[in-house]
Amino acid sequence: MDKKAKILVIDDDPDFTDAMTSILESAHYEVVSAANPNEAKEKIFKDKPELILLDIMMDSLFDGFSLCHSIKTAKEYKDFHDTPIIFVSAVKEMTGSRFQFKGEEQGMVGPDDYIDKPVKAEDLIGRIERLLQK
């Protein structure tokens, strides 16, 4: 079967990255990964993903938010402004409530979708397919 889109998984948890890679490859997506925002920046330009799965909290609470905003707005990422980004976060699992993104209040551009960890494979694939069809 032909490979589908290339997806960049950005997460500092190697177990999560491995799990996402298995799920996505079983659905015939090509997967590249990055463990932090700096590595992610290199992979975006090198691999040109068609969709990005982005952890919110990596080295700091705001890593995911600031990287998402940069990808969606910064001149250096102009070729990637329309690349769909799905935030993936364990905040709900850890705290019992979802992280409320109100980035527009700070002038930040947010993701195209948001999914809580632990991720359900069918839900993830469905969301990815909807965003890639836009």
Protein backbone atom coordinates (compact mmCIF):
# COMPACT_ATOMS: atom_id res chain seq x y z
CA MET A 1 0.00 0.00 0.00
CA ASP A 2 1.24 3.53 -0.73
CA LYS A 3 2.46 5.64 2.13
CA LYS A 4 0.17 8.41 3.20
CA ALA A 5 1.29 11.79 4.49
CA LYS A 6 4.47 12.46 6.44
CA ILE A 7 3.81 13.25 10.11
CA LEU A 8 6.26 14.84 12.53
CA VAL A 9 5.84 13.71 16.16
CA ILE A 10 7.38 16.20 18.60
CA ASP A 11 7.51 14.85 22.15
CA ASP A 12 10.21 14.51 24.81
CA ASP A 13 8.88 11.10 25.94
CA PRO A 14 10.54 8.39 23.81
CA ASP A 15 7.93 5.79 24.85
CA PHE A 16 5.12 8.04 23.60
CA THR A 17 7.01 8.72 20.38
CA ASP A 18 7.52 4.98 19.83
CA ALA A 19 3.82 4.30 20.46
CA MET A 20 2.74 7.07 18.06
CA THR A 21 5.17 5.81 15.43
CA SER A 22 3.67 2.30 15.65
CA ILE A 23 0.10 3.61 15.42
CA LEU A 24 0.85 5.94 12.52
CA GLU A 25 2.97 3.48 10.55
CA SER A 26 0.27 0.82 10.92
CA ALA A 27 -2.04 3.34 9.23
CA HIS A 28 0.62 3.74 6.48
CA TYR A 29 1.80 7.20 7.46
CA GLU A 30 5.46 8.10 7.18
CA VAL A 31 6.74 9.21 10.59
CA VAL A 32 9.63 11.40 11.67
CA SER A 33 10.19 12.46 15.25
CA ALA A 34 11.86 15.12 17.34
CA ALA A 35 12.49 15.15 21.09
CA ASN A 36 12.54 18.93 21.60
CA PRO A 37 11.68 22.21 19.86
CA ASN A 38 15.20 22.75 18.47
CA GLU A 39 15.31 19.31 16.89
CA ALA A 40 11.75 19.87 15.65
CA LYS A 41 12.77 23.04 13.83
CA GLU A 42 15.47 21.15 11.95
CA LYS A 43 13.08 18.32 11.05
CA ILE A 44 10.38 20.71 9.80
CA PHE A 45 12.71 22.22 7.21
CA LYS A 46 14.46 18.93 6.34
CA ASP A 47 11.47 16.56 6.22
CA LYS A 48 8.61 18.95 5.32
CA PRO A 49 5.85 17.17 7.27
CA GLU A 50 2.24 17.42 6.13
CA LEU A 51 0.97 17.30 9.74
CA ILE A 52 2.56 17.81 13.16
CA LEU A 53 1.71 16.12 16.48
CA LEU A 54 3.06 18.46 19.14
CA ASP A 55 3.44 17.87 22.88
CA ILE A 56 2.59 20.99 24.87
CA MET A 57 4.96 20.59 27.80
CA MET A 58 8.54 19.62 27.10
CA ASP A 59 11.46 21.48 28.70
CA SER A 60 9.07 24.21 29.79
CA LEU A 61 5.33 24.64 30.13
CA PHE A 62 5.18 26.82 27.03
CA ASP A 63 7.43 24.96 24.55
CA GLY A 64 4.54 23.58 22.54
CA PHE A 65 2.62 26.85 22.53
CA SER A 66 5.57 28.93 21.36
CA LEU A 67 6.61 26.43 18.69
CA CYS A 68 3.04 26.20 17.38
CA HIS A 69 2.77 29.99 17.23
CA SER A 70 6.10 30.23 15.38
CA ILE A 71 5.13 27.60 12.82
CA LYS A 72 1.80 29.30 12.18
CA THR A 73 3.08 32.90 12.00
CA ALA A 74 6.86 33.39 11.70
CA LYS A 75 8.33 34.38 8.34
CA GLU A 76 10.93 31.59 8.53
CA TYR A 77 8.05 29.06 8.56
CA LYS A 78 6.03 30.71 5.77
CA ASP A 79 5.93 27.45 3.79
CA PHE A 80 4.42 25.67 6.82
CA HIS A 81 1.79 28.17 8.04
CA ASP A 82 -1.01 25.91 6.77
CA THR A 83 0.49 22.67 8.12
CA PRO A 84 -2.08 21.19 10.53
CA ILE A 85 -0.89 20.94 14.14
CA ILE A 86 -2.50 18.72 16.76
CA PHE A 87 -1.55 19.41 20.37
CA VAL A 88 -1.11 16.23 22.39
CA SER A 89 -1.06 16.62 26.15
CA ALA A 90 -1.09 14.62 29.38
CA VAL A 91 -2.34 17.61 31.38
CA LYS A 92 -5.85 16.15 31.71
CA GLU A 93 -4.48 12.77 32.80
CA MET A 94 -2.22 14.42 35.40
CA THR A 95 -4.56 17.12 36.72
CA GLY A 96 -8.06 15.92 35.89
CA SER A 97 -8.82 18.96 33.74
CA ARG A 98 -7.84 19.95 30.26
CA PHE A 99 -5.32 22.70 29.61
CA GLN A 100 -7.35 25.56 28.26
CA PHE A 101 -5.56 27.24 25.39
CA LYS A 102 -6.43 30.91 25.35
CA GLY A 103 -3.46 31.97 23.32
CA GLU A 104 -5.45 34.47 21.34
CA GLU A 105 -5.62 36.54 24.55
CA GLN A 106 -1.82 36.80 24.38
CA GLY A 107 -1.84 37.19 20.61
CA MET A 108 -0.74 33.58 19.99
CA VAL A 109 -2.00 31.30 17.25
CA GLY A 110 -3.10 27.89 18.48
CA PRO A 111 -3.30 24.39 17.05
CA ASP A 112 -5.82 22.99 14.58
CA ASP A 113 -6.87 20.30 17.06
CA TYR A 114 -6.13 19.01 20.56
CA ILE A 115 -6.06 15.45 21.83
CA ASP A 116 -5.52 14.19 25.37
CA LYS A 117 -3.05 11.49 26.38
CA PRO A 118 -3.46 8.60 26.55
CA VAL A 119 -4.28 8.72 22.86
CA LYS A 120 -6.81 6.31 21.36
CA ALA A 121 -5.49 5.12 17.99
CA GLU A 122 -8.84 5.31 16.14
CA ASP A 123 -9.53 8.81 17.44
CA LEU A 124 -6.06 10.02 16.47
CA ILE A 125 -6.21 8.56 12.95
CA GLY A 126 -9.70 10.02 12.43
CA ARG A 127 -8.55 13.50 13.45
CA ILE A 128 -5.46 13.28 11.26
CA GLU A 129 -7.48 12.20 8.24
CA ARG A 130 -10.00 15.04 8.74
CA LEU A 131 -7.25 17.66 8.96
CA LEU A 132 -5.36 16.32 5.95
CA GLN A 133 -8.50 16.42 3.80
CA LYS A 134 -8.99 20.15 4.36
